[in-house]
Amino acid sequence: MAHRRMAMVALNIAMATERGGHRIVLSANEMSFEAPPVEHLVYYAGLGALAAIEVIDWPLALLLMAGHALMDATNRPALHEFGEVLEEV
């Protein structure tokens, strides 16, 4: 009968508050996963709820979610400057 020795994996969970939101970071050994900001997850859940109760159509909800995710994924300085100008108005 062969015995296998299994290595212990240390799972670390942290909350990061950089880059525009509160993000949950999971890390184990050499790998890590960073979730979208909690605020964005609430936005996605809200769109999903609106689509589920048929206030908006599913394709529109998915389009809004994809656009929001793309804007979060890109770091465009010109867009941030434009947003700052709009905040001043």
N, C-alpha and C. Protein backbone atom coordinates (compact mmCIF):
# COMPACT_ATOMS: atom_id res chain seq x y z
N MET A 1 0.83 -1.17 0.00
CA MET A 1 0.00 0.00 0.00
C MET A 1 0.89 1.25 0.00
N ALA A 2 0.68 2.08 -0.99
CA ALA A 2 1.50 3.29 -1.13
C ALA A 2 0.86 4.44 -0.36
N HIS A 3 1.71 5.20 0.29
CA HIS A 3 1.24 6.37 1.02
C HIS A 3 1.64 7.62 0.24
N ARG A 4 0.71 8.52 0.14
CA ARG A 4 1.01 9.79 -0.53
C ARG A 4 1.11 10.89 0.51
N ARG A 5 2.09 11.69 0.32
CA ARG A 5 2.26 12.82 1.22
C ARG A 5 1.72 14.07 0.51
N MET A 6 0.77 14.73 1.13
CA MET A 6 0.17 15.91 0.53
C MET A 6 0.73 17.16 1.22
N ALA A 7 1.05 18.14 0.40
CA ALA A 7 1.59 19.39 0.92
C ALA A 7 0.46 20.29 1.40
N MET A 8 0.73 21.03 2.43
CA MET A 8 -0.25 22.00 2.95
C MET A 8 -0.22 23.25 2.09
N VAL A 9 -1.38 23.79 1.82
CA VAL A 9 -1.49 25.02 1.05
C VAL A 9 -2.00 26.12 1.97
N ALA A 10 -1.27 27.21 1.99
CA ALA A 10 -1.68 28.35 2.82
C ALA A 10 -2.51 29.30 1.96
N LEU A 11 -3.75 29.51 2.36
CA LEU A 11 -4.65 30.40 1.65
C LEU A 11 -4.73 31.72 2.40
N ASN A 12 -4.41 32.80 1.71
CA ASN A 12 -4.46 34.13 2.30
C ASN A 12 -5.58 34.92 1.65
N ILE A 13 -6.38 35.59 2.47
CA ILE A 13 -7.46 36.44 1.98
C ILE A 13 -7.21 37.83 2.52
N ALA A 14 -7.21 38.82 1.62
CA ALA A 14 -6.95 40.19 2.03
C ALA A 14 -7.90 41.13 1.30
N MET A 15 -8.06 42.31 1.86
CA MET A 15 -8.88 43.35 1.24
C MET A 15 -7.94 44.47 0.79
N ALA A 16 -7.93 44.75 -0.50
CA ALA A 16 -7.09 45.81 -1.05
C ALA A 16 -7.99 47.00 -1.39
N THR A 17 -7.52 48.19 -1.06
CA THR A 17 -8.32 49.39 -1.33
C THR A 17 -7.60 50.33 -2.28
N GLU A 18 -6.95 49.78 -3.27
CA GLU A 18 -6.24 50.60 -4.25
C GLU A 18 -6.89 50.43 -5.61
N ARG A 19 -6.60 51.33 -6.50
CA ARG A 19 -7.11 51.31 -7.88
C ARG A 19 -8.64 51.36 -7.95
N GLY A 20 -9.24 52.21 -7.18
CA GLY A 20 -10.65 52.51 -7.35
C GLY A 20 -11.65 51.55 -6.75
N GLY A 21 -11.43 51.06 -5.58
CA GLY A 21 -12.45 50.24 -4.95
C GLY A 21 -11.88 49.26 -3.95
N HIS A 22 -12.76 48.61 -3.24
CA HIS A 22 -12.38 47.60 -2.26
C HIS A 22 -12.36 46.25 -2.96
N ARG A 23 -11.20 45.68 -3.12
CA ARG A 23 -11.05 44.41 -3.83
C ARG A 23 -10.65 43.31 -2.86
N ILE A 24 -11.19 42.13 -3.10
CA ILE A 24 -10.81 40.96 -2.33
C ILE A 24 -9.70 40.24 -3.08
N VAL A 25 -8.60 39.96 -2.40
CA VAL A 25 -7.44 39.29 -3.01
C VAL A 25 -7.25 37.94 -2.33
N LEU A 26 -7.30 36.88 -3.11
CA LEU A 26 -7.04 35.52 -2.62
C LEU A 26 -5.68 35.09 -3.15
N SER A 27 -4.84 34.55 -2.28
CA SER A 27 -3.54 34.07 -2.74
C SER A 27 -3.21 32.75 -2.05
N ALA A 28 -2.61 31.87 -2.83
CA ALA A 28 -2.17 30.58 -2.32
C ALA A 28 -0.86 30.24 -3.01
N ASN A 29 0.15 29.98 -2.19
CA ASN A 29 1.50 29.69 -2.71
C ASN A 29 1.95 30.81 -3.64
N GLU A 30 2.16 30.52 -4.89
CA GLU A 30 2.66 31.51 -5.84
C GLU A 30 1.55 32.15 -6.68
N MET A 31 0.31 31.75 -6.50
CA MET A 31 -0.78 32.25 -7.32
C MET A 31 -1.65 33.21 -6.52
N SER A 32 -2.25 34.18 -7.24
CA SER A 32 -3.19 35.07 -6.58
C SER A 32 -4.31 35.43 -7.54
N PHE A 33 -5.46 35.75 -6.97
CA PHE A 33 -6.64 36.14 -7.74
C PHE A 33 -7.19 37.40 -7.11
N GLU A 34 -7.43 38.40 -7.94
CA GLU A 34 -7.98 39.66 -7.46
C GLU A 34 -9.37 39.85 -8.05
N ALA A 35 -10.37 39.90 -7.20
CA ALA A 35 -11.76 40.06 -7.65
C ALA A 35 -12.00 41.51 -8.05
N PRO A 36 -13.03 41.75 -8.86
CA PRO A 36 -13.40 43.13 -9.16
C PRO A 36 -13.80 43.85 -7.87
N PRO A 37 -13.79 45.18 -7.87
CA PRO A 37 -14.19 45.90 -6.67
C PRO A 37 -15.60 45.50 -6.23
N VAL A 38 -15.80 45.46 -4.92
CA VAL A 38 -17.09 45.07 -4.36
C VAL A 38 -18.20 45.97 -4.90
N GLU A 39 -17.89 47.26 -5.07
CA GLU A 39 -18.87 48.19 -5.60
C GLU A 39 -19.33 47.78 -7.00
N HIS A 40 -18.41 47.27 -7.81
CA HIS A 40 -18.75 46.84 -9.16
C HIS A 40 -19.59 45.57 -9.12
N LEU A 41 -19.27 44.67 -8.19
CA LEU A 41 -20.06 43.45 -8.09
C LEU A 41 -21.52 43.76 -7.74
N VAL A 42 -21.73 44.77 -6.92
CA VAL A 42 -23.10 45.20 -6.59
C VAL A 42 -23.79 45.75 -7.83
N TYR A 43 -23.06 46.50 -8.64
CA TYR A 43 -23.61 47.04 -9.90
C TYR A 43 -24.03 45.89 -10.82
N TYR A 44 -23.15 44.88 -10.95
CA TYR A 44 -23.47 43.74 -11.82
C TYR A 44 -24.68 42.97 -11.30
N ALA A 45 -24.76 42.81 -9.99
CA ALA A 45 -25.90 42.11 -9.40
C ALA A 45 -27.19 42.89 -9.63
N GLY A 46 -27.11 44.21 -9.53
CA GLY A 46 -28.29 45.05 -9.78
C GLY A 46 -28.77 44.95 -11.22
N LEU A 47 -27.84 44.96 -12.16
CA LEU A 47 -28.23 44.78 -13.57
C LEU A 47 -28.84 43.41 -13.80
N GLY A 48 -28.26 42.40 -13.17
CA GLY A 48 -28.81 41.05 -13.30
C GLY A 48 -30.21 40.95 -12.73
N ALA A 49 -30.44 41.63 -11.60
CA ALA A 49 -31.78 41.62 -10.99
C ALA A 49 -32.77 42.34 -11.88
N LEU A 50 -32.38 43.48 -12.46
CA LEU A 50 -33.28 44.20 -13.37
C LEU A 50 -33.62 43.36 -14.59
N ALA A 51 -32.64 42.62 -15.09
CA ALA A 51 -32.91 41.74 -16.24
C ALA A 51 -33.78 40.56 -15.83
N ALA A 52 -33.58 40.05 -14.63
CA ALA A 52 -34.36 38.89 -14.16
C ALA A 52 -35.83 39.24 -13.99
N ILE A 53 -36.13 40.46 -13.55
CA ILE A 53 -37.53 40.84 -13.39
C ILE A 53 -38.06 41.57 -14.63
N GLU A 54 -37.28 41.50 -15.70
CA GLU A 54 -37.65 41.98 -17.04
C GLU A 54 -37.91 43.49 -17.11
N VAL A 55 -37.18 44.25 -16.30
CA VAL A 55 -37.22 45.71 -16.43
C VAL A 55 -36.37 46.11 -17.63
N ILE A 56 -35.22 45.44 -17.81
CA ILE A 56 -34.38 45.61 -19.00
C ILE A 56 -34.15 44.24 -19.62
N ASP A 57 -33.80 44.22 -20.89
CA ASP A 57 -33.54 42.96 -21.59
C ASP A 57 -32.15 42.44 -21.22
N TRP A 58 -31.98 41.11 -21.30
CA TRP A 58 -30.70 40.48 -20.99
C TRP A 58 -29.56 40.98 -21.87
N PRO A 59 -29.78 41.12 -23.21
CA PRO A 59 -28.65 41.63 -24.02
C PRO A 59 -28.18 43.01 -23.57
N LEU A 60 -29.11 43.87 -23.17
CA LEU A 60 -28.72 45.20 -22.70
C LEU A 60 -27.95 45.09 -21.38
N ALA A 61 -28.41 44.26 -20.47
CA ALA A 61 -27.71 44.07 -19.20
C ALA A 61 -26.30 43.55 -19.43
N LEU A 62 -26.15 42.57 -20.32
CA LEU A 62 -24.83 42.02 -20.62
C LEU A 62 -23.93 43.06 -21.28
N LEU A 63 -24.50 43.88 -22.16
CA LEU A 63 -23.73 44.93 -22.82
C LEU A 63 -23.25 45.96 -21.80
N LEU A 64 -24.12 46.37 -20.89
CA LEU A 64 -23.72 47.32 -19.85
C LEU A 64 -22.66 46.73 -18.93
N MET A 65 -22.79 45.45 -18.59
CA MET A 65 -21.79 44.80 -17.74
C MET A 65 -20.44 44.73 -18.45
N ALA A 66 -20.45 44.35 -19.71
CA ALA A 66 -19.20 44.25 -20.48
C ALA A 66 -18.54 45.61 -20.62
N GLY A 67 -19.31 46.63 -20.92
CA GLY A 67 -18.75 47.97 -21.05
C GLY A 67 -18.16 48.46 -19.74
N HIS A 68 -18.84 48.18 -18.65
CA HIS A 68 -18.35 48.58 -17.32
C HIS A 68 -17.06 47.84 -17.00
N ALA A 69 -16.99 46.55 -17.31
CA ALA A 69 -15.78 45.76 -17.05
C ALA A 69 -14.62 46.24 -17.91
N LEU A 70 -14.89 46.58 -19.17
CA LEU A 70 -13.83 47.09 -20.04
C LEU A 70 -13.30 48.43 -19.56
N MET A 71 -14.19 49.30 -19.12
CA MET A 71 -13.73 50.59 -18.62
C MET A 71 -12.89 50.42 -17.36
N ASP A 72 -13.23 49.45 -16.55
CA ASP A 72 -12.45 49.18 -15.34
C ASP A 72 -11.09 48.59 -15.68
N ALA A 73 -11.04 47.78 -16.73
CA ALA A 73 -9.81 47.08 -17.10
C ALA A 73 -8.80 48.00 -17.79
N THR A 74 -9.28 49.04 -18.42
CA THR A 74 -8.37 49.95 -19.13
C THR A 74 -8.02 51.12 -18.23
N ASN A 75 -6.80 51.53 -18.34
CA ASN A 75 -6.34 52.67 -17.55
C ASN A 75 -5.98 53.78 -18.53
N ARG A 76 -6.96 54.61 -18.85
CA ARG A 76 -6.72 55.67 -19.80
C ARG A 76 -6.62 57.01 -19.05
N PRO A 77 -5.45 57.60 -19.03
CA PRO A 77 -5.28 58.89 -18.33
C PRO A 77 -6.19 59.99 -18.89
N ALA A 78 -6.38 60.04 -20.21
CA ALA A 78 -7.22 61.08 -20.80
C ALA A 78 -8.66 60.95 -20.31
N LEU A 79 -9.14 59.75 -20.17
CA LEU A 79 -10.50 59.53 -19.70
C LEU A 79 -10.63 59.96 -18.24
N HIS A 80 -9.62 59.69 -17.43
CA HIS A 80 -9.64 60.11 -16.04
C HIS A 80 -9.62 61.64 -15.93
N GLU A 81 -8.81 62.30 -16.78
CA GLU A 81 -8.77 63.76 -16.78
C GLU A 81 -10.11 64.34 -17.19
N PHE A 82 -10.76 63.73 -18.17
CA PHE A 82 -12.07 64.18 -18.62
C PHE A 82 -13.08 64.04 -17.48
N GLY A 83 -13.02 62.95 -16.74
CA GLY A 83 -13.90 62.76 -15.60
C GLY A 83 -13.68 63.79 -14.51
N GLU A 84 -12.42 64.16 -14.28
CA GLU A 84 -12.11 65.18 -13.29
C GLU A 84 -12.67 66.53 -13.71
N VAL A 85 -12.58 66.85 -15.01
CA VAL A 85 -13.14 68.10 -15.51
C VAL A 85 -14.66 68.11 -15.32
N LEU A 86 -15.31 66.99 -15.59
CA LEU A 86 -16.76 66.92 -15.41
C LEU A 86 -17.15 67.07 -13.95
N GLU A 87 -16.32 66.58 -13.04
CA GLU A 87 -16.62 66.72 -11.62
C GLU A 87 -16.57 68.18 -11.17
N GLU A 88 -15.69 68.96 -11.81
CA GLU A 88 -15.55 70.37 -11.45
C GLU A 88 -16.73 71.20 -11.93
N VAL A 89 -17.40 70.76 -12.98
CA VAL A 89 -18.51 71.54 -13.57
C VAL A 89 -19.74 71.51 -12.72
